Amino acid sequence: MTARKDLDFSEFEKILKEQKESIEKNIEATRSEIEAIALEDEIDDMEDMAELQIDNASDQTILHHLETELAEVEAALQRIHNKSYGICEDTGKHIPLERLKAYPLARTFA
């Protein structure tokens, strides 16, 4: 597997770093919301408790998704650093430029 010479790695690195920054901000906001829910002390009845539990479960799901997406972005940045970015992990073939532009996290050809 040889590094691709037809890609502007700095362009993809910039895109991925912007995504990473945005995801990290969303993670911080979601964690703050989870903490606020945990500190909620005005639970008057079962209906309020149920609503808080639903909100907490939704936020936990969102947080998990964001953390997974952040790990994918960090892995893509590592592939840029390792010069393996844009190369299919399954086949070793070059991932089409159009696919990378549409989905910079792509690990595979298809």
PDB file of N, CA and C in Angstrom:
ATOM      1  N   MET A   1       0.845  -1.163   0.000  1.00  0.00           N
ATOM      2  CA  MET A   1       0.000   0.000   0.000  1.00  0.00           C
ATOM      3  C   MET A   1       0.898   1.237   0.000  1.00  0.00           C
ATOM      4  N   THR A   2       0.775   2.022  -1.038  1.00  0.00           N
ATOM      5  CA  THR A   2       1.552   3.246  -1.121  1.00  0.00           C
ATOM      6  C   THR A   2       0.644   4.444  -0.928  1.00  0.00           C
ATOM      7  N   ALA A   3       1.220   5.517  -0.406  1.00  0.00           N
ATOM      8  CA  ALA A   3       0.452   6.732  -0.147  1.00  0.00           C
ATOM      9  C   ALA A   3      -0.069   7.315  -1.452  1.00  0.00           C
ATOM     10  N   ARG A   4      -1.224   7.923  -1.363  1.00  0.00           N
ATOM     11  CA  ARG A   4      -1.819   8.546  -2.545  1.00  0.00           C
ATOM     12  C   ARG A   4      -1.130   9.866  -2.815  1.00  0.00           C
ATOM     13  N   LYS A   5      -0.883  10.105  -4.087  1.00  0.00           N
ATOM     14  CA  LYS A   5      -0.252  11.350  -4.495  1.00  0.00           C
ATOM     15  C   LYS A   5      -1.249  12.276  -5.189  1.00  0.00           C
ATOM     16  N   ASP A   6      -2.467  11.782  -5.414  1.00  0.00           N
ATOM     17  CA  ASP A   6      -3.467  12.557  -6.130  1.00  0.00           C
ATOM     18  C   ASP A   6      -4.422  13.314  -5.206  1.00  0.00           C
ATOM     19  N   LEU A   7      -4.180  13.267  -3.890  1.00  0.00           N
ATOM     20  CA  LEU A   7      -5.055  13.937  -2.935  1.00  0.00           C
ATOM     21  C   LEU A   7      -4.346  15.126  -2.295  1.00  0.00           C
ATOM     22  N   ASP A   8      -5.117  16.166  -2.033  1.00  0.00           N
ATOM     23  CA  ASP A   8      -4.619  17.292  -1.254  1.00  0.00           C
ATOM     24  C   ASP A   8      -4.954  16.990   0.209  1.00  0.00           C
ATOM     25  N   PHE A   9      -4.020  16.338   0.880  1.00  0.00           N
ATOM     26  CA  PHE A   9      -4.267  15.907   2.255  1.00  0.00           C
ATOM     27  C   PHE A   9      -4.577  17.082   3.173  1.00  0.00           C
ATOM     28  N   SER A  10      -3.974  18.238   2.911  1.00  0.00           N
ATOM     29  CA  SER A  10      -4.223  19.398   3.779  1.00  0.00           C
ATOM     30  C   SER A  10      -5.682  19.841   3.687  1.00  0.00           C
ATOM     31  N   GLU A  11      -6.294  19.699   2.516  1.00  0.00           N
ATOM     32  CA  GLU A  11      -7.707  20.047   2.355  1.00  0.00           C
ATOM     33  C   GLU A  11      -8.586  19.138   3.217  1.00  0.00           C
ATOM     34  N   PHE A  12      -8.311  17.840   3.161  1.00  0.00           N
ATOM     35  CA  PHE A  12      -9.104  16.893   3.956  1.00  0.00           C
ATOM     36  C   PHE A  12      -8.812  17.050   5.442  1.00  0.00           C
ATOM     37  N   GLU A  13      -7.566  17.329   5.779  1.00  0.00           N
ATOM     38  CA  GLU A  13      -7.216  17.543   7.181  1.00  0.00           C
ATOM     39  C   GLU A  13      -7.975  18.753   7.737  1.00  0.00           C
ATOM     40  N   LYS A  14      -8.071  19.815   6.966  1.00  0.00           N
ATOM     41  CA  LYS A  14      -8.803  21.008   7.385  1.00  0.00           C
ATOM     42  C   LYS A  14     -10.278  20.678   7.613  1.00  0.00           C
ATOM     43  N   ILE A  15     -10.883  19.969   6.671  1.00  0.00           N
ATOM     44  CA  ILE A  15     -12.291  19.576   6.788  1.00  0.00           C
ATOM     45  C   ILE A  15     -12.503  18.733   8.043  1.00  0.00           C
ATOM     46  N   LEU A  16     -11.634  17.761   8.253  1.00  0.00           N
ATOM     47  CA  LEU A  16     -11.775  16.864   9.398  1.00  0.00           C
ATOM     48  C   LEU A  16     -11.553  17.588  10.721  1.00  0.00           C
ATOM     49  N   LYS A  17     -10.612  18.507  10.752  1.00  0.00           N
ATOM     50  CA  LYS A  17     -10.380  19.266  11.989  1.00  0.00           C
ATOM     51  C   LYS A  17     -11.570  20.160  12.307  1.00  0.00           C
ATOM     52  N   GLU A  18     -12.204  20.718  11.285  1.00  0.00           N
ATOM     53  CA  GLU A  18     -13.417  21.512  11.511  1.00  0.00           C
ATOM     54  C   GLU A  18     -14.541  20.632  12.041  1.00  0.00           C
ATOM     55  N   GLN A  19     -14.681  19.438  11.467  1.00  0.00           N
ATOM     56  CA  GLN A  19     -15.692  18.495  11.963  1.00  0.00           C
ATOM     57  C   GLN A  19     -15.409  18.138  13.419  1.00  0.00           C
ATOM     58  N   LYS A  20     -14.145  17.878  13.717  1.00  0.00           N
ATOM     59  CA  LYS A  20     -13.759  17.500  15.072  1.00  0.00           C
ATOM     60  C   LYS A  20     -14.120  18.607  16.059  1.00  0.00           C
ATOM     61  N   GLU A  21     -13.825  19.850  15.710  1.00  0.00           N
ATOM     62  CA  GLU A  21     -14.130  20.977  16.584  1.00  0.00           C
ATOM     63  C   GLU A  21     -15.640  21.093  16.819  1.00  0.00           C
ATOM     64  N   SER A  22     -16.414  20.940  15.765  1.00  0.00           N
ATOM     65  CA  SER A  22     -17.869  21.013  15.875  1.00  0.00           C
ATOM     66  C   SER A  22     -18.409  19.888  16.753  1.00  0.00           C
ATOM     67  N   ILE A  23     -17.916  18.690  16.548  1.00  0.00           N
ATOM     68  CA  ILE A  23     -18.365  17.537  17.345  1.00  0.00           C
ATOM     69  C   ILE A  23     -18.007  17.738  18.814  1.00  0.00           C
ATOM     70  N   GLU A  24     -16.793  18.216  19.075  1.00  0.00           N
ATOM     71  CA  GLU A  24     -16.379  18.437  20.465  1.00  0.00           C
ATOM     72  C   GLU A  24     -17.273  19.471  21.149  1.00  0.00           C
ATOM     73  N   LYS A  25     -17.674  20.516  20.437  1.00  0.00           N
ATOM     74  CA  LYS A  25     -18.589  21.512  21.000  1.00  0.00           C
ATOM     75  C   LYS A  25     -19.942  20.875  21.301  1.00  0.00           C
ATOM     76  N   ASN A  26     -20.425  20.028  20.384  1.00  0.00           N
ATOM     77  CA  ASN A  26     -21.707  19.350  20.601  1.00  0.00           C
ATOM     78  C   ASN A  26     -21.631  18.382  21.771  1.00  0.00           C
ATOM     79  N   ILE A  27     -20.502  17.705  21.924  1.00  0.00           N
ATOM     80  CA  ILE A  27     -20.320  16.798  23.058  1.00  0.00           C
ATOM     81  C   ILE A  27     -20.364  17.587  24.359  1.00  0.00           C
ATOM     82  N   GLU A  28     -19.677  18.712  24.382  1.00  0.00           N
ATOM     83  CA  GLU A  28     -19.658  19.540  25.590  1.00  0.00           C
ATOM     84  C   GLU A  28     -21.058  20.022  25.944  1.00  0.00           C
ATOM     85  N   ALA A  29     -21.815  20.474  24.940  1.00  0.00           N
ATOM     86  CA  ALA A  29     -23.178  20.946  25.183  1.00  0.00           C
ATOM     87  C   ALA A  29     -24.075  19.818  25.671  1.00  0.00           C
ATOM     88  N   THR A  30     -23.934  18.642  25.078  1.00  0.00           N
ATOM     89  CA  THR A  30     -24.756  17.496  25.481  1.00  0.00           C
ATOM     90  C   THR A  30     -24.419  17.062  26.897  1.00  0.00           C
ATOM     91  N   ARG A  31     -23.138  17.041  27.233  1.00  0.00           N
ATOM     92  CA  ARG A  31     -22.742  16.676  28.605  1.00  0.00           C
ATOM     93  C   ARG A  31     -23.293  17.685  29.611  1.00  0.00           C
ATOM     94  N   SER A  32     -23.270  18.959  29.242  1.00  0.00           N
ATOM     95  CA  SER A  32     -23.825  19.992  30.128  1.00  0.00           C
ATOM     96  C   SER A  32     -25.309  19.768  30.349  1.00  0.00           C
ATOM     97  N   GLU A  33     -26.007  19.400  29.294  1.00  0.00           N
ATOM     98  CA  GLU A  33     -27.438  19.137  29.417  1.00  0.00           C
ATOM     99  C   GLU A  33     -27.688  17.907  30.293  1.00  0.00           C
ATOM    100  N   ILE A  34     -26.882  16.885  30.137  1.00  0.00           N
ATOM    101  CA  ILE A  34     -27.027  15.680  30.970  1.00  0.00           C
ATOM    102  C   ILE A  34     -26.793  16.039  32.442  1.00  0.00           C
ATOM    103  N   GLU A  35     -25.767  16.860  32.700  1.00  0.00           N
ATOM    104  CA  GLU A  35     -25.486  17.273  34.073  1.00  0.00           C
ATOM    105  C   GLU A  35     -26.641  18.095  34.637  1.00  0.00           C
ATOM    106  N   ALA A  36     -27.218  18.963  33.813  1.00  0.00           N
ATOM    107  CA  ALA A  36     -28.350  19.773  34.268  1.00  0.00           C
ATOM    108  C   ALA A  36     -29.541  18.904  34.625  1.00  0.00           C
ATOM    109  N   ILE A  37     -29.769  17.883  33.835  1.00  0.00           N
ATOM    110  CA  ILE A  37     -30.877  16.961  34.120  1.00  0.00           C
ATOM    111  C   ILE A  37     -30.613  16.238  35.441  1.00  0.00           C
ATOM    112  N   ALA A  38     -29.353  15.834  35.640  1.00  0.00           N
ATOM    113  CA  ALA A  38     -29.014  15.112  36.870  1.00  0.00           C
ATOM    114  C   ALA A  38     -29.196  15.995  38.107  1.00  0.00           C
ATOM    115  N   LEU A  39     -29.035  17.308  37.943  1.00  0.00           N
ATOM    116  CA  LEU A  39     -29.153  18.220  39.077  1.00  0.00           C
ATOM    117  C   LEU A  39     -30.568  18.754  39.274  1.00  0.00           C
ATOM    118  N   GLU A  40     -31.469  18.350  38.394  1.00  0.00           N
ATOM    119  CA  GLU A  40     -32.863  18.821  38.470  1.00  0.00           C
ATOM    120  C   GLU A  40     -33.456  18.420  39.813  1.00  0.00           C
ATOM    121  N   ASP A  41     -33.913  19.429  40.551  1.00  0.00           N
ATOM    122  CA  ASP A  41     -34.455  19.127  41.873  1.00  0.00           C
ATOM    123  C   ASP A  41     -35.934  19.481  42.014  1.00  0.00           C
ATOM    124  N   GLU A  42     -36.538  19.922  40.951  1.00  0.00           N
ATOM    125  CA  GLU A  42     -37.948  20.267  41.010  1.00  0.00           C
ATOM    126  C   GLU A  42     -38.807  19.200  40.344  1.00  0.00           C
ATOM    127  N   ILE A  43     -38.673  17.996  40.844  1.00  0.00           N
ATOM    128  CA  ILE A  43     -39.465  16.881  40.332  1.00  0.00           C
ATOM    129  C   ILE A  43     -40.688  16.755  41.227  1.00  0.00           C
ATOM    130  N   ASP A  44     -41.823  17.189  40.671  1.00  0.00           N
ATOM    131  CA  ASP A  44     -43.045  17.240  41.473  1.00  0.00           C
ATOM    132  C   ASP A  44     -43.870  15.960  41.409  1.00  0.00           C
ATOM    133  N   ASP A  45     -43.772  15.248  40.307  1.00  0.00           N
ATOM    134  CA  ASP A  45     -44.614  14.070  40.176  1.00  0.00           C
ATOM    135  C   ASP A  45     -43.973  13.058  39.233  1.00  0.00           C
ATOM    136  N   MET A  46     -44.656  11.965  39.067  1.00  0.00           N
ATOM    137  CA  MET A  46     -44.145  10.877  38.225  1.00  0.00           C
ATOM    138  C   MET A  46     -44.008  11.309  36.767  1.00  0.00           C
ATOM    139  N   GLU A  47     -44.891  12.192  36.335  1.00  0.00           N
ATOM    140  CA  GLU A  47     -44.842  12.668  34.951  1.00  0.00           C
ATOM    141  C   GLU A  47     -43.543  13.449  34.703  1.00  0.00           C
ATOM    142  N   ASP A  48     -43.182  14.303  35.651  1.00  0.00           N
ATOM    143  CA  ASP A  48     -41.921  15.047  35.523  1.00  0.00           C
ATOM    144  C   ASP A  48     -40.729  14.090  35.535  1.00  0.00           C
ATOM    145  N   MET A  49     -40.774  13.104  36.398  1.00  0.00           N
ATOM    146  CA  MET A  49     -39.693  12.124  36.491  1.00  0.00           C
ATOM    147  C   MET A  49     -39.559  11.356  35.181  1.00  0.00           C
ATOM    148  N   ALA A  50     -40.671  10.939  34.618  1.00  0.00           N
ATOM    149  CA  ALA A  50     -40.645  10.203  33.352  1.00  0.00           C
ATOM    150  C   ALA A  50     -40.080  11.070  32.239  1.00  0.00           C
ATOM    151  N   GLU A  51     -40.471  12.333  32.207  1.00  0.00           N
ATOM    152  CA  GLU A  51     -39.962  13.252  31.180  1.00  0.00           C
ATOM    153  C   GLU A  51     -38.454  13.438  31.307  1.00  0.00           C
ATOM    154  N   LEU A  52     -37.967  13.573  32.524  1.00  0.00           N
ATOM    155  CA  LEU A  52     -36.523  13.708  32.746  1.00  0.00           C
ATOM    156  C   LEU A  52     -35.777  12.443  32.326  1.00  0.00           C
ATOM    157  N   GLN A  53     -36.346  11.290  32.605  1.00  0.00           N
ATOM    158  CA  GLN A  53     -35.707  10.031  32.216  1.00  0.00           C
ATOM    159  C   GLN A  53     -35.644   9.899  30.699  1.00  0.00           C
ATOM    160  N   ILE A  54     -36.691  10.308  30.013  1.00  0.00           N
ATOM    161  CA  ILE A  54     -36.699  10.266  28.547  1.00  0.00           C
ATOM    162  C   ILE A  54     -35.658  11.231  27.995  1.00  0.00           C
ATOM    163  N   ASP A  55     -35.618  12.447  28.543  1.00  0.00           N
ATOM    164  CA  ASP A  55     -34.619  13.428  28.103  1.00  0.00           C
ATOM    165  C   ASP A  55     -33.204  12.905  28.325  1.00  0.00           C
ATOM    166  N   ASN A  56     -32.978  12.298  29.475  1.00  0.00           N
ATOM    167  CA  ASN A  56     -31.651  11.772  29.796  1.00  0.00           C
ATOM    168  C   ASN A  56     -31.274  10.640  28.845  1.00  0.00           C
ATOM    169  N   ALA A  57     -32.205   9.749  28.584  1.00  0.00           N
ATOM    170  CA  ALA A  57     -31.927   8.640  27.664  1.00  0.00           C
ATOM    171  C   ALA A  57     -31.622   9.154  26.261  1.00  0.00           C
ATOM    172  N   SER A  58     -32.369  10.146  25.813  1.00  0.00           N
ATOM    173  CA  SER A  58     -32.126  10.735  24.495  1.00  0.00           C
ATOM    174  C   SER A  58     -30.752  11.387  24.438  1.00  0.00           C
ATOM    175  N   ASP A  59     -30.422  12.143  25.476  1.00  0.00           N
ATOM    176  CA  ASP A  59     -29.116  12.799  25.511  1.00  0.00           C
ATOM    177  C   ASP A  59     -27.974  11.781  25.564  1.00  0.00           C
ATOM    178  N   GLN A  60     -28.174  10.695  26.300  1.00  0.00           N
ATOM    179  CA  GLN A  60     -27.135   9.650  26.369  1.00  0.00           C
ATOM    180  C   GLN A  60     -26.917   9.026  24.985  1.00  0.00           C
ATOM    181  N   THR A  61     -28.002   8.809  24.246  1.00  0.00           N
ATOM    182  CA  THR A  61     -27.901   8.247  22.898  1.00  0.00           C
ATOM    183  C   THR A  61     -27.172   9.214  21.974  1.00  0.00           C
ATOM    184  N   ILE A  62     -27.527  10.478  22.059  1.00  0.00           N
ATOM    185  CA  ILE A  62     -26.863  11.498  21.240  1.00  0.00           C
ATOM    186  C   ILE A  62     -25.381  11.565  21.591  1.00  0.00           C
ATOM    187  N   LEU A  63     -25.068  11.548  22.872  1.00  0.00           N
ATOM    188  CA  LEU A  63     -23.673  11.603  23.315  1.00  0.00           C
ATOM    189  C   LEU A  63     -22.885  10.413  22.773  1.00  0.00           C
ATOM    190  N   HIS A  64     -23.465   9.233  22.845  1.00  0.00           N
ATOM    191  CA  HIS A  64     -22.795   8.039  22.322  1.00  0.00           C
ATOM    192  C   HIS A  64     -22.512   8.186  20.824  1.00  0.00           C
ATOM    193  N   HIS A  65     -23.503   8.668  20.081  1.00  0.00           N
ATOM    194  CA  HIS A  65     -23.331   8.876  18.635  1.00  0.00           C
ATOM    195  C   HIS A  65     -22.216   9.887  18.365  1.00  0.00           C
ATOM    196  N   LEU A  66     -22.210  10.984  19.101  1.00  0.00           N
ATOM    197  CA  LEU A  66     -21.179  12.009  18.908  1.00  0.00           C
ATOM    198  C   LEU A  66     -19.784  11.477  19.232  1.00  0.00           C
ATOM    199  N   GLU A  67     -19.678  10.707  20.297  1.00  0.00           N
ATOM    200  CA  GLU A  67     -18.372  10.144  20.668  1.00  0.00           C
ATOM    201  C   GLU A  67     -17.881   9.154  19.616  1.00  0.00           C
ATOM    202  N   THR A  68     -18.798   8.379  19.046  1.00  0.00           N
ATOM    203  CA  THR A  68     -18.440   7.455  17.971  1.00  0.00           C
ATOM    204  C   THR A  68     -17.972   8.228  16.744  1.00  0.00           C
ATOM    205  N   GLU A  69     -18.698   9.285  16.401  1.00  0.00           N
ATOM    206  CA  GLU A  69     -18.323  10.103  15.248  1.00  0.00           C
ATOM    207  C   GLU A  69     -16.972  10.777  15.476  1.00  0.00           C
ATOM    208  N   LEU A  70     -16.717  11.242  16.693  1.00  0.00           N
ATOM    209  CA  LEU A  70     -15.430  11.857  17.017  1.00  0.00           C
ATOM    210  C   LEU A  70     -14.298  10.850  16.844  1.00  0.00           C
ATOM    211  N   ALA A  71     -14.514   9.623  17.278  1.00  0.00           N
ATOM    212  CA  ALA A  71     -13.491   8.582  17.110  1.00  0.00           C
ATOM    213  C   ALA A  71     -13.210   8.321  15.629  1.00  0.00           C
ATOM    214  N   GLU A  72     -14.246   8.359  14.795  1.00  0.00           N
ATOM    215  CA  GLU A  72     -14.066   8.172  13.348  1.00  0.00           C
ATOM    216  C   GLU A  72     -13.262   9.321  12.736  1.00  0.00           C
ATOM    217  N   VAL A  73     -13.539  10.537  13.176  1.00  0.00           N
ATOM    218  CA  VAL A  73     -12.798  11.697  12.676  1.00  0.00           C
ATOM    219  C   VAL A  73     -11.328  11.584  13.094  1.00  0.00           C
ATOM    220  N   GLU A  74     -11.106  11.220  14.348  1.00  0.00           N
ATOM    221  CA  GLU A  74      -9.724  11.077  14.824  1.00  0.00           C
ATOM    222  C   GLU A  74      -8.996   9.966  14.078  1.00  0.00           C
ATOM    223  N   ALA A  75      -9.699   8.890  13.753  1.00  0.00           N
ATOM    224  CA  ALA A  75      -9.090   7.801  12.980  1.00  0.00           C
ATOM    225  C   ALA A  75      -8.740   8.271  11.571  1.00  0.00           C
ATOM    226  N   ALA A  76      -9.613   9.078  10.964  1.00  0.00           N
ATOM    227  CA  ALA A  76      -9.334   9.615   9.625  1.00  0.00           C
ATOM    228  C   ALA A  76      -8.117  10.539   9.664  1.00  0.00           C
ATOM    229  N   LEU A  77      -8.025  11.366  10.691  1.00  0.00           N
ATOM    230  CA  LEU A  77      -6.855  12.236  10.837  1.00  0.00           C
ATOM    231  C   LEU A  77      -5.583  11.410  11.021  1.00  0.00           C
ATOM    232  N   GLN A  78      -5.689  10.309  11.744  1.00  0.00           N
ATOM    233  CA  GLN A  78      -4.537   9.421  11.927  1.00  0.00           C
ATOM    234  C   GLN A  78      -4.138   8.791  10.597  1.00  0.00           C
ATOM    235  N   ARG A  79      -5.133   8.437   9.774  1.00  0.00           N
ATOM    236  CA  ARG A  79      -4.821   7.869   8.453  1.00  0.00           C
ATOM    237  C   ARG A  79      -4.101   8.897   7.579  1.00  0.00           C
ATOM    238  N   ILE A  80      -4.478  10.159   7.699  1.00  0.00           N
ATOM    239  CA  ILE A  80      -3.761  11.202   6.962  1.00  0.00           C
ATOM    240  C   ILE A  80      -2.317  11.237   7.434  1.00  0.00           C
ATOM    241  N   HIS A  81      -2.132  11.216   8.731  1.00  0.00           N
ATOM    242  CA  HIS A  81      -0.782  11.244   9.315  1.00  0.00           C
ATOM    243  C   HIS A  81       0.042  10.023   8.871  1.00  0.00           C
ATOM    244  N   ASN A  82      -0.621   8.870   8.793  1.00  0.00           N
ATOM    245  CA  ASN A  82       0.065   7.627   8.407  1.00  0.00           C
ATOM    246  C   ASN A  82       0.204   7.443   6.906  1.00  0.00           C
ATOM    247  N   LYS A  83      -0.364   8.375   6.143  1.00  0.00           N
ATOM    248  CA  LYS A  83      -0.339   8.318   4.671  1.00  0.00           C
ATOM    249  C   LYS A  83      -1.170   7.160   4.123  1.00  0.00           C
ATOM    250  N   SER A  84      -2.164   6.718   4.903  1.00  0.00           N
ATOM    251  CA  SER A  84      -3.042   5.651   4.415  1.00  0.00           C
ATOM    252  C   SER A  84      -4.446   6.178   4.118  1.00  0.00           C
ATOM    253  N   TYR A  85      -4.634   7.471   4.226  1.00  0.00           N
ATOM    254  CA  TYR A  85      -5.943   8.077   3.971  1.00  0.00           C
ATOM    255  C   TYR A  85      -6.297   7.916   2.491  1.00  0.00           C
ATOM    256  N   GLY A  86      -7.563   7.577   2.248  1.00  0.00           N
ATOM    257  CA  GLY A  86      -8.039   7.450   0.873  1.00  0.00           C
ATOM    258  C   GLY A  86      -7.769   6.092   0.252  1.00  0.00           C
ATOM    259  N   ILE A  87      -7.281   5.161   1.064  1.00  0.00           N
ATOM    260  CA  ILE A  87      -7.004   3.808   0.587  1.00  0.00           C
ATOM    261  C   ILE A  87      -7.949   2.852   1.310  1.00  0.00           C
ATOM    262  N   CYS A  88      -8.671   2.057   0.549  1.00  0.00           N
ATOM    263  CA  CYS A  88      -9.659   1.130   1.096  1.00  0.00           C
ATOM    264  C   CYS A  88      -9.001   0.152   2.061  1.00  0.00           C
ATOM    265  N   GLU A  89      -9.564   0.041   3.252  1.00  0.00           N
ATOM    266  CA  GLU A  89      -9.034  -0.884   4.249  1.00  0.00           C
ATOM    267  C   GLU A  89      -9.269  -2.346   3.877  1.00  0.00           C
ATOM    268  N   ASP A  90     -10.271  -2.601   3.038  1.00  0.00           N
ATOM    269  CA  ASP A  90     -10.583  -3.977   2.648  1.00  0.00           C
ATOM    270  C   ASP A  90      -9.793  -4.438   1.432  1.00  0.00           C
ATOM    271  N   THR A  91      -9.685  -3.559   0.431  1.00  0.00           N
ATOM    272  CA  THR A  91      -9.115  -3.979  -0.849  1.00  0.00           C
ATOM    273  C   THR A  91      -7.760  -3.367  -1.163  1.00  0.00           C
ATOM    274  N   GLY A  92      -7.405  -2.283  -0.485  1.00  0.00           N
ATOM    275  CA  GLY A  92      -6.157  -1.589  -0.792  1.00  0.00           C
ATOM    276  C   GLY A  92      -6.265  -0.682  -2.005  1.00  0.00           C
ATOM    277  N   LYS A  93      -7.449  -0.612  -2.603  1.00  0.00           N
ATOM    278  CA  LYS A  93      -7.650   0.253  -3.767  1.00  0.00           C
ATOM    279  C   LYS A  93      -7.883   1.690  -3.309  1.00  0.00           C
ATOM    280  N   HIS A  94      -7.676   2.609  -4.236  1.00  0.00           N
ATOM    281  CA  HIS A  94      -7.935   4.009  -3.941  1.00  0.00           C
ATOM    282  C   HIS A  94      -9.432   4.259  -3.850  1.00  0.00           C
ATOM    283  N   ILE A  95      -9.835   4.941  -2.797  1.00  0.00           N
ATOM    284  CA  ILE A  95     -11.228   5.357  -2.647  1.00  0.00           C
ATOM    285  C   ILE A  95     -11.428   6.539  -3.590  1.00  0.00           C
ATOM    286  N   PRO A  96     -12.479   6.532  -4.403  1.00  0.00           N
ATOM    287  CA  PRO A  96     -12.689   7.630  -5.351  1.00  0.00           C
ATOM    288  C   PRO A  96     -12.749   8.994  -4.649  1.00  0.00           C
ATOM    289  N   LEU A  97     -12.161   9.979  -5.282  1.00  0.00           N
ATOM    290  CA  LEU A  97     -12.125  11.329  -4.747  1.00  0.00           C
ATOM    291  C   LEU A  97     -13.537  11.841  -4.443  1.00  0.00           C
ATOM    292  N   GLU A  98     -14.480  11.536  -5.311  1.00  0.00           N
ATOM    293  CA  GLU A  98     -15.855  11.987  -5.107  1.00  0.00           C
ATOM    294  C   GLU A  98     -16.434  11.426  -3.809  1.00  0.00           C
ATOM    295  N   ARG A  99     -16.120  10.178  -3.516  1.00  0.00           N
ATOM    296  CA  ARG A  99     -16.597   9.558  -2.270  1.00  0.00           C
ATOM    297  C   ARG A  99     -15.963  10.244  -1.060  1.00  0.00           C
ATOM    298  N   LEU A 100     -14.677  10.523  -1.140  1.00  0.00           N
ATOM    299  CA  LEU A 100     -14.002  11.180  -0.031  1.00  0.00           C
ATOM    300  C   LEU A 100     -14.531  12.597   0.191  1.00  0.00           C
ATOM    301  N   LYS A 101     -14.844  13.283  -0.905  1.00  0.00           N
ATOM    302  CA  LYS A 101     -15.402  14.628  -0.760  1.00  0.00           C
ATOM    303  C   LYS A 101     -16.786  14.576  -0.125  1.00  0.00           C
ATOM    304  N   ALA A 102     -17.563  13.585  -0.496  1.00  0.00           N
ATOM    305  CA  ALA A 102     -18.911  13.442   0.050  1.00  0.00           C
ATOM    306  C   ALA A 102     -18.886  12.913   1.482  1.00  0.00           C
ATOM    307  N   TYR A 103     -17.921  12.047   1.776  1.00  0.00           N
ATOM    308  CA  TYR A 103     -17.833  11.412   3.087  1.00  0.00           C
ATOM    309  C   TYR A 103     -16.357  11.265   3.462  1.00  0.00           C
ATOM    310  N   PRO A 104     -15.766  12.332   4.024  1.00  0.00           N
ATOM    311  CA  PRO A 104     -14.334  12.311   4.328  1.00  0.00           C
ATOM    312  C   PRO A 104     -13.896  11.221   5.317  1.00  0.00           C
ATOM    313  N   LEU A 105     -14.843  10.595   6.003  1.00  0.00           N
ATOM    314  CA  LEU A 105     -14.511   9.540   6.948  1.00  0.00           C
ATOM    315  C   LEU A 105     -14.420   8.160   6.301  1.00  0.00           C
ATOM    316  N   ALA A 106     -14.647   8.099   4.992  1.00  0.00           N
ATOM    317  CA  ALA A 106     -14.701   6.794   4.289  1.00  0.00           C
ATOM    318  C   ALA A 106     -13.440   5.974   4.557  1.00  0.00           C
ATOM    319  N   ARG A 107     -13.678   4.727   4.905  1.00  0.00           N
ATOM    320  CA  ARG A 107     -12.580   3.774   5.138  1.00  0.00           C
ATOM    321  C   ARG A 107     -12.495   2.744   4.003  1.00  0.00           C
ATOM    322  N   THR A 108     -13.596   2.609   3.271  1.00  0.00           N
ATOM    323  CA  THR A 108     -13.650   1.579   2.238  1.00  0.00           C
ATOM    324  C   THR A 108     -14.057   2.152   0.898  1.00  0.00           C
ATOM    325  N   PHE A 109     -13.808   1.362  -0.116  1.00  0.00           N
ATOM    326  CA  PHE A 109     -14.070   1.749  -1.503  1.00  0.00           C
ATOM    327  C   PHE A 109     -15.563   1.950  -1.743  1.00  0.00           C
ATOM    328  N   ALA A 110     -16.374   1.108  -1.164  1.00  0.00           N
ATOM    329  CA  ALA A 110     -17.831   1.203  -1.401  1.00  0.00           C
ATOM    330  C   ALA A 110     -18.595   1.285  -0.111  1.00  0.00           C
TER     331      ALA A 110
END
